[in-house]
Structure formats: C-alpha cells, structure tokens
Amino acid sequence: MTDVFINYRTGDGEKTAALIDQELSRRFGSDRIFRASKSIAPGRAYPDELLTGLHRSAVLLAVIGPDWTNFQKRLRDPEDWVRKEIMEAFARELPVIPVLDGRKTDRLNAGDLPDELARLADIQSVPFSTQDAETGLKRLGDVVADMVPGLHDRDRDTASSLAPGSVTNSIGDVSGTAVQSRDFTGDVGGTVIKGSAGPVHTGQGDIYQNSRHVSGGRHFSGNGMTYFEGNHHGDVRHRFGESDGHEADDR
C-alpha cells in the first residue's frame, strides 16, 4: 500500500525528490513512498505503474524547482507525466503539496502556469533548501505524518519513548533522584538515593559531604557506615565486614 506519491521533473528537482524519498522511507517505510525511478521495477509498464501508485496514495508531493515553470511547453502537453500526475491527483481530490525546492519566493505565480495547473499557486506550499536539508525534511515528514494518520511514524514512536518525566527502573517508586549501580560508573558503588535531608549511601565506598554544619566537610570511609549529624546525644555507627574483635556499639 502506497501512501505518499513524489512527483518531480527530471532536470529540475530529481535530486531533492531522492532526498525526500530516502528520509520518508526511513521514517515511514520504503513501501509507503512512491518515486518512479525507485518504485517501478524493470520490465513493468511505466504508465500503468505510475497510475497504480498514484491511485494507492493519500497525498502527492509536487517537487517544484527553480526552473520548473521554464518547462512551459511540456507543462501544457497533455501527455507530459508531471502534468498528468498532478491533474490526476486533482481529479481524485487528493491533497497536493507543492514542495518549493530552492525557489526565492514561497509561492508560485499563477500567471506562469497553464490554466489547468493554476490552482497550484493557491495551495499552501512547503519551502525546501538543500542548504538546510535536515530542517526541510523534518518539516515535510511532520506534514505527511499529520495528513496521513495511518502511517507508522518511527520518529514519533522514539520521541514518545524518550518523553521528559518518563523513568524506567527496577527499584520501584522513588521520591527524589535514584541512581542505580549498574548505571553509575563513578567512585561510589551500590545505590545512591538523594532527595530528603541528604545523601543515603548503600554498599562499599566513600561519601564526601560538604555542608554548613561541618567546616570543610567530612570524609567517611569503611566497609559501611551510617552517620546522623545534628542535635542528638551521640552518634550511631555500624561496621560491616570482618570482625575486629569488638562488639558494635549502639548509642
């Protein structure tokens, strides 16, 4: 099933048409984008394949380069395929989007067009410049995604999975900031959870804390330690690991 038909003139827009095809194929799938030089296999009847591809499409992108209106004789020829494809899209009431490739103006002049194609000048177009192709391709892809909702948009799927505020973790709900050990490559091993009155450290390693209560901060080391600072009658310290011959104190 084809959804996007790329119309272009050889000698005026075929390189841009190829860029558009490449980007839209990446984003929506190659089988959803029709471009004659890619989509028509050797040995197939050219006219039949063009019309079949057009009839299966939901939108036609007309790539119009700076010299497009200079092909006046061909644009007025009923057998010219650029003209026939656009006229067929009009007849089938398909949306037609003029892609103005490298043109100095953002609109076509109806006076430069055959009467049958003059309505192109009244259609909202999309500007495109090879000097900023990335922006142009992104904008065009967004337009296509909005106009053809049935397309599977890989870029928007990726953006949704990376939306701000979404968190995937294996430690449940956390109030504050959690850094899991497998995601941390610094000097602290284990899991560090921040968010209340200070850092909480689990596992082996050192914590250096600099606060207004301690001049210069303090450096804690050992197999494991919990330190409570503030107004209390004594410290609570726990040691883990190999015994040094003394019982742990609880104060």
C-alpha atoms as a PDB file:
ATOM      1  CA  MET A   1       0.000   0.000   0.000  1.00  0.00           C
ATOM      2  CA  THR A   2       1.497   3.331  -1.092  1.00  0.00           C
ATOM      3  CA  ASP A   3       0.544   6.469   0.820  1.00  0.00           C
ATOM      4  CA  VAL A   4       2.882   9.198  -0.475  1.00  0.00           C
ATOM      5  CA  PHE A   5       3.469   9.875  -4.180  1.00  0.00           C
ATOM      6  CA  ILE A   6       6.501  12.001  -5.091  1.00  0.00           C
ATOM      7  CA  ASN A   7       6.015  13.958  -8.314  1.00  0.00           C
ATOM      8  CA  TYR A   8       9.117  15.568  -9.846  1.00  0.00           C
ATOM      9  CA  ARG A   9      10.634  16.800 -13.085  1.00  0.00           C
ATOM     10  CA  THR A  10      13.863  15.213 -14.308  1.00  0.00           C
ATOM     11  CA  GLY A  11      16.307  18.083 -14.662  1.00  0.00           C
ATOM     12  CA  ASP A  12      14.539  20.182 -12.046  1.00  0.00           C
ATOM     13  CA  GLY A  13      14.082  18.517  -8.699  1.00  0.00           C
ATOM     14  CA  GLU A  14      15.043  14.870  -9.096  1.00  0.00           C
ATOM     15  CA  LYS A  15      17.880  15.116  -6.542  1.00  0.00           C
ATOM     16  CA  THR A  16      15.589  16.688  -3.970  1.00  0.00           C
ATOM     17  CA  ALA A  17      12.950  14.059  -4.759  1.00  0.00           C
ATOM     18  CA  ALA A  18      15.528  11.357  -4.000  1.00  0.00           C
ATOM     19  CA  LEU A  19      16.401  13.022  -0.660  1.00  0.00           C
ATOM     20  CA  ILE A  20      12.734  13.250   0.270  1.00  0.00           C
ATOM     21  CA  ASP A  21      12.183   9.619  -0.697  1.00  0.00           C
ATOM     22  CA  GLN A  22      15.155   8.499   1.397  1.00  0.00           C
ATOM     23  CA  GLU A  23      14.007  10.369   4.516  1.00  0.00           C
ATOM     24  CA  LEU A  24      10.319   9.484   4.273  1.00  0.00           C
ATOM     25  CA  SER A  25      11.206   5.847   3.563  1.00  0.00           C
ATOM     26  CA  ARG A  26      13.343   5.783   6.710  1.00  0.00           C
ATOM     27  CA  ARG A  27      10.592   7.352   8.771  1.00  0.00           C
ATOM     28  CA  PHE A  28       7.511   5.579   7.397  1.00  0.00           C
ATOM     29  CA  GLY A  29       8.819   2.587   5.433  1.00  0.00           C
ATOM     30  CA  SER A  30      10.014   2.323   1.840  1.00  0.00           C
ATOM     31  CA  ASP A  31       6.870   0.554   0.659  1.00  0.00           C
ATOM     32  CA  ARG A  32       4.759   3.555   1.704  1.00  0.00           C
ATOM     33  CA  ILE A  33       6.598   6.003  -0.572  1.00  0.00           C
ATOM     34  CA  PHE A  34       6.295   6.012  -4.376  1.00  0.00           C
ATOM     35  CA  ARG A  35       9.012   7.551  -6.537  1.00  0.00           C
ATOM     36  CA  ALA A  36       9.055   6.418 -10.158  1.00  0.00           C
ATOM     37  CA  SER A  37      12.769   5.714 -10.577  1.00  0.00           C
ATOM     38  CA  LYS A  38      12.762   3.594  -7.413  1.00  0.00           C
ATOM     39  CA  SER A  39       9.320   2.062  -7.335  1.00  0.00           C
ATOM     40  CA  ILE A  40       8.859   0.891 -10.931  1.00  0.00           C
ATOM     41  CA  ALA A  41      10.660  -2.398 -11.496  1.00  0.00           C
ATOM     42  CA  PRO A  42      12.393  -3.183 -14.803  1.00  0.00           C
ATOM     43  CA  GLY A  43      10.016  -4.731 -17.301  1.00  0.00           C
ATOM     44  CA  ARG A  44       6.917  -3.105 -15.842  1.00  0.00           C
ATOM     45  CA  ALA A  45       4.701  -0.813 -17.929  1.00  0.00           C
ATOM     46  CA  TYR A  46       5.605   2.718 -16.938  1.00  0.00           C
ATOM     47  CA  PRO A  47       2.201   4.412 -17.446  1.00  0.00           C
ATOM     48  CA  ASP A  48       0.297   1.670 -15.649  1.00  0.00           C
ATOM     49  CA  GLU A  49       2.672   1.664 -12.694  1.00  0.00           C
ATOM     50  CA  LEU A  50       2.510   5.431 -12.331  1.00  0.00           C
ATOM     51  CA  LEU A  51      -1.272   5.482 -12.252  1.00  0.00           C
ATOM     52  CA  THR A  52      -1.449   2.481  -9.915  1.00  0.00           C
ATOM     53  CA  GLY A  53       0.969   4.122  -7.494  1.00  0.00           C
ATOM     54  CA  LEU A  54      -0.984   7.356  -7.626  1.00  0.00           C
ATOM     55  CA  HIS A  55      -4.330   5.633  -7.049  1.00  0.00           C
ATOM     56  CA  ARG A  56      -2.931   3.978  -3.932  1.00  0.00           C
ATOM     57  CA  SER A  57      -1.664   7.250  -2.493  1.00  0.00           C
ATOM     58  CA  ALA A  58      -3.183   9.593   0.062  1.00  0.00           C
ATOM     59  CA  VAL A  59      -1.099  12.667  -0.808  1.00  0.00           C
ATOM     60  CA  LEU A  60       1.032  13.895  -3.712  1.00  0.00           C
ATOM     61  CA  LEU A  61       4.225  15.886  -3.111  1.00  0.00           C
ATOM     62  CA  ALA A  62       4.973  18.034  -6.165  1.00  0.00           C
ATOM     63  CA  VAL A  63       8.682  18.906  -6.103  1.00  0.00           C
ATOM     64  CA  ILE A  64       8.970  22.245  -7.904  1.00  0.00           C
ATOM     65  CA  GLY A  65      12.493  23.507  -8.528  1.00  0.00           C
ATOM     66  CA  PRO A  66      13.668  26.968  -9.642  1.00  0.00           C
ATOM     67  CA  ASP A  67      13.352  26.080 -13.346  1.00  0.00           C
ATOM     68  CA  TRP A  68      10.047  24.193 -13.103  1.00  0.00           C
ATOM     69  CA  THR A  69       7.965  26.894 -14.804  1.00  0.00           C
ATOM     70  CA  ASN A  70      10.545  27.197 -17.584  1.00  0.00           C
ATOM     71  CA  PHE A  71       9.222  23.906 -18.961  1.00  0.00           C
ATOM     72  CA  GLN A  72       6.179  25.756 -20.289  1.00  0.00           C
ATOM     73  CA  LYS A  73       5.803  23.685 -23.432  1.00  0.00           C
ATOM     74  CA  ARG A  74       5.899  20.417 -21.519  1.00  0.00           C
ATOM     75  CA  LEU A  75       3.565  21.663 -18.775  1.00  0.00           C
ATOM     76  CA  ARG A  76       0.995  22.397 -21.492  1.00  0.00           C
ATOM     77  CA  ASP A  77       1.425  18.999 -23.131  1.00  0.00           C
ATOM     78  CA  PRO A  78      -1.442  16.669 -22.062  1.00  0.00           C
ATOM     79  CA  GLU A  79       0.972  13.736 -22.348  1.00  0.00           C
ATOM     80  CA  ASP A  80       3.579  15.218 -20.005  1.00  0.00           C
ATOM     81  CA  TRP A  81       3.690  12.932 -16.971  1.00  0.00           C
ATOM     82  CA  VAL A  82       4.475  15.635 -14.427  1.00  0.00           C
ATOM     83  CA  ARG A  83       1.334  17.425 -15.545  1.00  0.00           C
ATOM     84  CA  LYS A  84      -0.710  14.205 -15.828  1.00  0.00           C
ATOM     85  CA  GLU A  85       0.153  13.080 -12.296  1.00  0.00           C
ATOM     86  CA  ILE A  86      -0.880  16.422 -10.780  1.00  0.00           C
ATOM     87  CA  MET A  87      -4.051  16.578 -12.877  1.00  0.00           C
ATOM     88  CA  GLU A  88      -4.946  13.026 -11.845  1.00  0.00           C
ATOM     89  CA  ALA A  89      -4.451  13.945  -8.181  1.00  0.00           C
ATOM     90  CA  PHE A  90      -6.740  16.945  -8.640  1.00  0.00           C
ATOM     91  CA  ALA A  91      -9.341  14.756 -10.336  1.00  0.00           C
ATOM     92  CA  ARG A  92      -9.231  12.246  -7.464  1.00  0.00           C
ATOM     93  CA  GLU A  93      -9.318  15.090  -4.916  1.00  0.00           C
ATOM     94  CA  LEU A  94      -6.038  14.009  -3.373  1.00  0.00           C
ATOM     95  CA  PRO A  95      -4.154  16.629  -1.332  1.00  0.00           C
ATOM     96  CA  VAL A  96      -1.316  18.117  -3.383  1.00  0.00           C
ATOM     97  CA  ILE A  97       1.582  19.767  -1.545  1.00  0.00           C
ATOM     98  CA  PRO A  98       3.938  21.919  -3.637  1.00  0.00           C
ATOM     99  CA  VAL A  99       7.483  21.480  -2.320  1.00  0.00           C
ATOM    100  CA  LEU A 100       9.315  24.619  -3.449  1.00  0.00           C
ATOM    101  CA  ASP A 101      12.873  23.447  -3.953  1.00  0.00           C
ATOM    102  CA  GLY A 102      15.413  26.280  -3.833  1.00  0.00           C
ATOM    103  CA  ARG A 103      12.971  28.895  -5.062  1.00  0.00           C
ATOM    104  CA  LYS A 104      13.430  32.511  -3.985  1.00  0.00           C
ATOM    105  CA  THR A 105       9.715  33.004  -3.356  1.00  0.00           C
ATOM    106  CA  ASP A 106       7.399  30.937  -1.166  1.00  0.00           C
ATOM    107  CA  ARG A 107       4.546  30.948  -3.659  1.00  0.00           C
ATOM    108  CA  LEU A 108       4.043  30.126  -7.304  1.00  0.00           C
ATOM    109  CA  ASN A 109       2.807  32.733  -9.740  1.00  0.00           C
ATOM    110  CA  ALA A 110      -0.458  31.628 -11.324  1.00  0.00           C
ATOM    111  CA  GLY A 111       0.443  33.604 -14.439  1.00  0.00           C
ATOM    112  CA  ASP A 112       3.420  31.319 -15.025  1.00  0.00           C
ATOM    113  CA  LEU A 113       1.256  28.200 -15.021  1.00  0.00           C
ATOM    114  CA  PRO A 114      -1.112  26.644 -17.537  1.00  0.00           C
ATOM    115  CA  ASP A 115      -4.732  27.287 -16.617  1.00  0.00           C
ATOM    116  CA  GLU A 116      -5.224  23.647 -15.639  1.00  0.00           C
ATOM    117  CA  LEU A 117      -2.401  23.902 -13.070  1.00  0.00           C
ATOM    118  CA  ALA A 118      -3.029  27.459 -11.895  1.00  0.00           C
ATOM    119  CA  ARG A 119      -4.601  26.260  -8.656  1.00  0.00           C
ATOM    120  CA  LEU A 120      -1.125  25.195  -7.513  1.00  0.00           C
ATOM    121  CA  ALA A 121      -0.479  28.881  -6.818  1.00  0.00           C
ATOM    122  CA  ASP A 122      -3.305  28.922  -4.259  1.00  0.00           C
ATOM    123  CA  ILE A 123      -2.164  25.844  -2.334  1.00  0.00           C
ATOM    124  CA  GLN A 124      -0.102  26.260   0.816  1.00  0.00           C
ATOM    125  CA  SER A 125       3.409  25.095  -0.057  1.00  0.00           C
ATOM    126  CA  VAL A 126       6.409  23.807   1.890  1.00  0.00           C
ATOM    127  CA  PRO A 127       9.748  25.544   1.261  1.00  0.00           C
ATOM    128  CA  PHE A 128      12.838  23.392   0.890  1.00  0.00           C
ATOM    129  CA  SER A 129      16.511  24.307   0.669  1.00  0.00           C
ATOM    130  CA  THR A 130      19.434  21.933   0.289  1.00  0.00           C
ATOM    131  CA  GLN A 131      21.433  24.353   2.464  1.00  0.00           C
ATOM    132  CA  ASP A 132      19.279  23.261   5.402  1.00  0.00           C
ATOM    133  CA  ALA A 133      18.004  19.928   4.162  1.00  0.00           C
ATOM    134  CA  GLU A 134      17.650  18.410   7.645  1.00  0.00           C
ATOM    135  CA  THR A 135      15.152  21.055   8.752  1.00  0.00           C
ATOM    136  CA  GLY A 136      13.220  20.831   5.483  1.00  0.00           C
ATOM    137  CA  LEU A 137      12.991  17.053   5.589  1.00  0.00           C
ATOM    138  CA  LYS A 138      11.889  17.096   9.232  1.00  0.00           C
ATOM    139  CA  ARG A 139       9.160  19.626   8.494  1.00  0.00           C
ATOM    140  CA  LEU A 140       7.968  17.733   5.429  1.00  0.00           C
ATOM    141  CA  GLY A 141       7.881  14.464   7.356  1.00  0.00           C
ATOM    142  CA  ASP A 142       5.792  16.080  10.092  1.00  0.00           C
ATOM    143  CA  VAL A 143       3.345  17.432   7.492  1.00  0.00           C
ATOM    144  CA  VAL A 144       2.980  13.991   5.930  1.00  0.00           C
ATOM    145  CA  ALA A 145       2.511  12.333   9.338  1.00  0.00           C
ATOM    146  CA  ASP A 146      -0.300  14.743  10.172  1.00  0.00           C
ATOM    147  CA  MET A 147      -2.027  14.357   6.801  1.00  0.00           C
ATOM    148  CA  VAL A 148      -1.803  10.555   6.657  1.00  0.00           C
ATOM    149  CA  PRO A 149      -2.528   9.305  10.210  1.00  0.00           C
ATOM    150  CA  GLY A 150      -2.371   5.657   9.127  1.00  0.00           C
ATOM    151  CA  LEU A 151       1.393   5.849   8.589  1.00  0.00           C
ATOM    152  CA  HIS A 152       3.608   4.253  11.218  1.00  0.00           C
ATOM    153  CA  ASP A 153       5.858   7.142  12.305  1.00  0.00           C
ATOM    154  CA  ARG A 154       9.108   5.789  13.712  1.00  0.00           C
ATOM    155  CA  ASP A 155      10.366   9.211  14.803  1.00  0.00           C
ATOM    156  CA  ARG A 156       7.303   9.960  16.924  1.00  0.00           C
ATOM    157  CA  ASP A 157       7.436   6.497  18.467  1.00  0.00           C
ATOM    158  CA  THR A 158      11.025   7.180  19.503  1.00  0.00           C
ATOM    159  CA  ALA A 159      10.155  10.636  20.833  1.00  0.00           C
ATOM    160  CA  SER A 160       7.304   9.180  22.914  1.00  0.00           C
ATOM    161  CA  SER A 161       9.580   6.588  24.491  1.00  0.00           C
ATOM    162  CA  LEU A 162      12.033   9.339  25.482  1.00  0.00           C
ATOM    163  CA  ALA A 163       9.425  11.836  26.718  1.00  0.00           C
ATOM    164  CA  PRO A 164      10.548  14.039  29.652  1.00  0.00           C
ATOM    165  CA  GLY A 165       9.487  12.633  33.014  1.00  0.00           C
ATOM    166  CA  SER A 166       9.335   9.013  31.901  1.00  0.00           C
ATOM    167  CA  VAL A 167      11.515   6.702  34.001  1.00  0.00           C
ATOM    168  CA  THR A 168      12.206   3.029  33.625  1.00  0.00           C
ATOM    169  CA  ASN A 169      13.827   1.364  36.651  1.00  0.00           C
ATOM    170  CA  SER A 170      13.910  -1.855  38.590  1.00  0.00           C
ATOM    171  CA  ILE A 171      13.737  -0.440  42.144  1.00  0.00           C
ATOM    172  CA  GLY A 172      10.117   0.707  42.282  1.00  0.00           C
ATOM    173  CA  ASP A 173       8.779   4.147  43.103  1.00  0.00           C
ATOM    174  CA  VAL A 174      11.390   6.617  44.348  1.00  0.00           C
ATOM    175  CA  SER A 175      10.916  10.058  45.921  1.00  0.00           C
ATOM    176  CA  GLY A 176      13.863  12.144  44.769  1.00  0.00           C
ATOM    177  CA  THR A 177      16.659  11.040  42.462  1.00  0.00           C
ATOM    178  CA  ALA A 178      17.831   7.451  42.170  1.00  0.00           C
ATOM    179  CA  VAL A 179      20.993   6.248  40.512  1.00  0.00           C
ATOM    180  CA  GLN A 180      21.238   2.503  40.152  1.00  0.00           C
ATOM    181  CA  SER A 181      24.646   0.945  40.490  1.00  0.00           C
ATOM    182  CA  ARG A 182      24.639  -0.578  37.025  1.00  0.00           C
ATOM    183  CA  ASP A 183      24.100   2.921  35.603  1.00  0.00           C
ATOM    184  CA  PHE A 184      26.800   4.600  37.713  1.00  0.00           C
ATOM    185  CA  THR A 185      30.479   4.488  36.847  1.00  0.00           C
ATOM    186  CA  GLY A 186      31.901   6.882  39.468  1.00  0.00           C
ATOM    187  CA  ASP A 187      33.668   6.175  42.757  1.00  0.00           C
ATOM    188  CA  VAL A 188      30.554   5.175  44.713  1.00  0.00           C
ATOM    189  CA  GLY A 189      29.424   1.581  44.382  1.00  0.00           C
ATOM    190  CA  GLY A 190      25.917   0.382  45.173  1.00  0.00           C
ATOM    191  CA  THR A 191      22.797   2.535  45.005  1.00  0.00           C
ATOM    192  CA  VAL A 192      22.631   6.236  45.881  1.00  0.00           C
ATOM    193  CA  ILE A 193      19.244   7.813  46.621  1.00  0.00           C
ATOM    194  CA  LYS A 194      19.013  11.572  47.036  1.00  0.00           C
ATOM    195  CA  GLY A 195      16.025  13.712  47.837  1.00  0.00           C
ATOM    196  CA  SER A 196      15.371  14.225  51.543  1.00  0.00           C
ATOM    197  CA  ALA A 197      17.812  15.763  54.054  1.00  0.00           C
ATOM    198  CA  GLY A 198      20.974  14.459  52.477  1.00  0.00           C
ATOM    199  CA  PRO A 199      22.572  11.550  50.681  1.00  0.00           C
ATOM    200  CA  VAL A 200      21.958   7.938  51.655  1.00  0.00           C
ATOM    201  CA  HIS A 201      24.703   5.526  50.716  1.00  0.00           C
ATOM    202  CA  THR A 202      24.463   1.764  50.471  1.00  0.00           C
ATOM    203  CA  GLY A 203      27.263  -0.592  49.625  1.00  0.00           C
ATOM    204  CA  GLN A 204      31.003  -0.195  49.822  1.00  0.00           C
ATOM    205  CA  GLY A 205      32.857   3.024  49.061  1.00  0.00           C
ATOM    206  CA  ASP A 206      33.305   6.542  50.370  1.00  0.00           C
ATOM    207  CA  ILE A 207      30.983   9.532  50.652  1.00  0.00           C
ATOM    208  CA  TYR A 208      32.295  13.079  50.935  1.00  0.00           C
ATOM    209  CA  GLN A 209      29.699  15.544  52.225  1.00  0.00           C
ATOM    210  CA  ASN A 210      30.193  19.275  52.421  1.00  0.00           C
ATOM    211  CA  SER A 211      27.503  21.110  54.410  1.00  0.00           C
ATOM    212  CA  ARG A 212      27.001  24.223  56.515  1.00  0.00           C
ATOM    213  CA  HIS A 213      27.201  22.164  59.718  1.00  0.00           C
ATOM    214  CA  VAL A 214      30.718  20.883  59.110  1.00  0.00           C
ATOM    215  CA  SER A 215      33.672  23.106  58.418  1.00  0.00           C
ATOM    216  CA  GLY A 216      35.379  21.782  55.362  1.00  0.00           C
ATOM    217  CA  GLY A 217      33.137  18.712  55.163  1.00  0.00           C
ATOM    218  CA  ARG A 218      33.908  15.196  56.391  1.00  0.00           C
ATOM    219  CA  HIS A 219      35.207  12.132  54.687  1.00  0.00           C
ATOM    220  CA  PHE A 220      33.646   8.813  55.696  1.00  0.00           C
ATOM    221  CA  SER A 221      35.223   5.529  54.706  1.00  0.00           C
ATOM    222  CA  GLY A 222      34.981   1.881  55.584  1.00  0.00           C
ATOM    223  CA  ASN A 223      33.014  -1.215  54.654  1.00  0.00           C
ATOM    224  CA  GLY A 224      29.807   0.585  55.583  1.00  0.00           C
ATOM    225  CA  MET A 225      28.685   3.409  57.847  1.00  0.00           C
ATOM    226  CA  THR A 226      25.576   5.411  58.646  1.00  0.00           C
ATOM    227  CA  TYR A 227      26.193   8.868  60.155  1.00  0.00           C
ATOM    228  CA  PHE A 228      23.486  11.120  61.596  1.00  0.00           C
ATOM    229  CA  GLU A 229      24.563  14.728  62.020  1.00  0.00           C
ATOM    230  CA  GLY A 230      22.660  17.298  64.062  1.00  0.00           C
ATOM    231  CA  ASN A 231      21.201  17.683  67.545  1.00  0.00           C
ATOM    232  CA  HIS A 232      21.412  14.256  69.174  1.00  0.00           C
ATOM    233  CA  HIS A 233      23.099  12.660  72.208  1.00  0.00           C
ATOM    234  CA  GLY A 234      25.526  10.584  70.284  1.00  0.00           C
ATOM    235  CA  ASP A 235      26.467   9.016  67.017  1.00  0.00           C
ATOM    236  CA  VAL A 236      25.177   5.786  65.594  1.00  0.00           C
ATOM    237  CA  ARG A 237      27.748   3.885  63.662  1.00  0.00           C
ATOM    238  CA  HIS A 238      27.529   0.383  62.173  1.00  0.00           C
ATOM    239  CA  ARG A 239      30.500  -1.528  60.853  1.00  0.00           C
ATOM    240  CA  PHE A 240      30.131  -4.405  58.486  1.00  0.00           C
ATOM    241  CA  GLY A 241      32.543  -6.907  57.134  1.00  0.00           C
ATOM    242  CA  GLU A 242      35.183  -8.821  59.019  1.00  0.00           C
ATOM    243  CA  SER A 243      35.072  -8.555  62.793  1.00  0.00           C
ATOM    244  CA  ASP A 244      37.905  -6.663  64.532  1.00  0.00           C
ATOM    245  CA  GLY A 245      37.234  -8.399  67.848  1.00  0.00           C
ATOM    246  CA  HIS A 246      34.904  -5.765  69.345  1.00  0.00           C
ATOM    247  CA  GLU A 247      31.133  -5.660  69.585  1.00  0.00           C
ATOM    248  CA  ALA A 248      29.385  -2.854  67.701  1.00  0.00           C
ATOM    249  CA  ASP A 249      28.142  -0.010  69.923  1.00  0.00           C
ATOM    250  CA  ASP A 250      24.579   1.295  69.912  1.00  0.00           C
ATOM    251  CA  ARG A 251      24.299   4.738  71.446  1.00  0.00           C
END
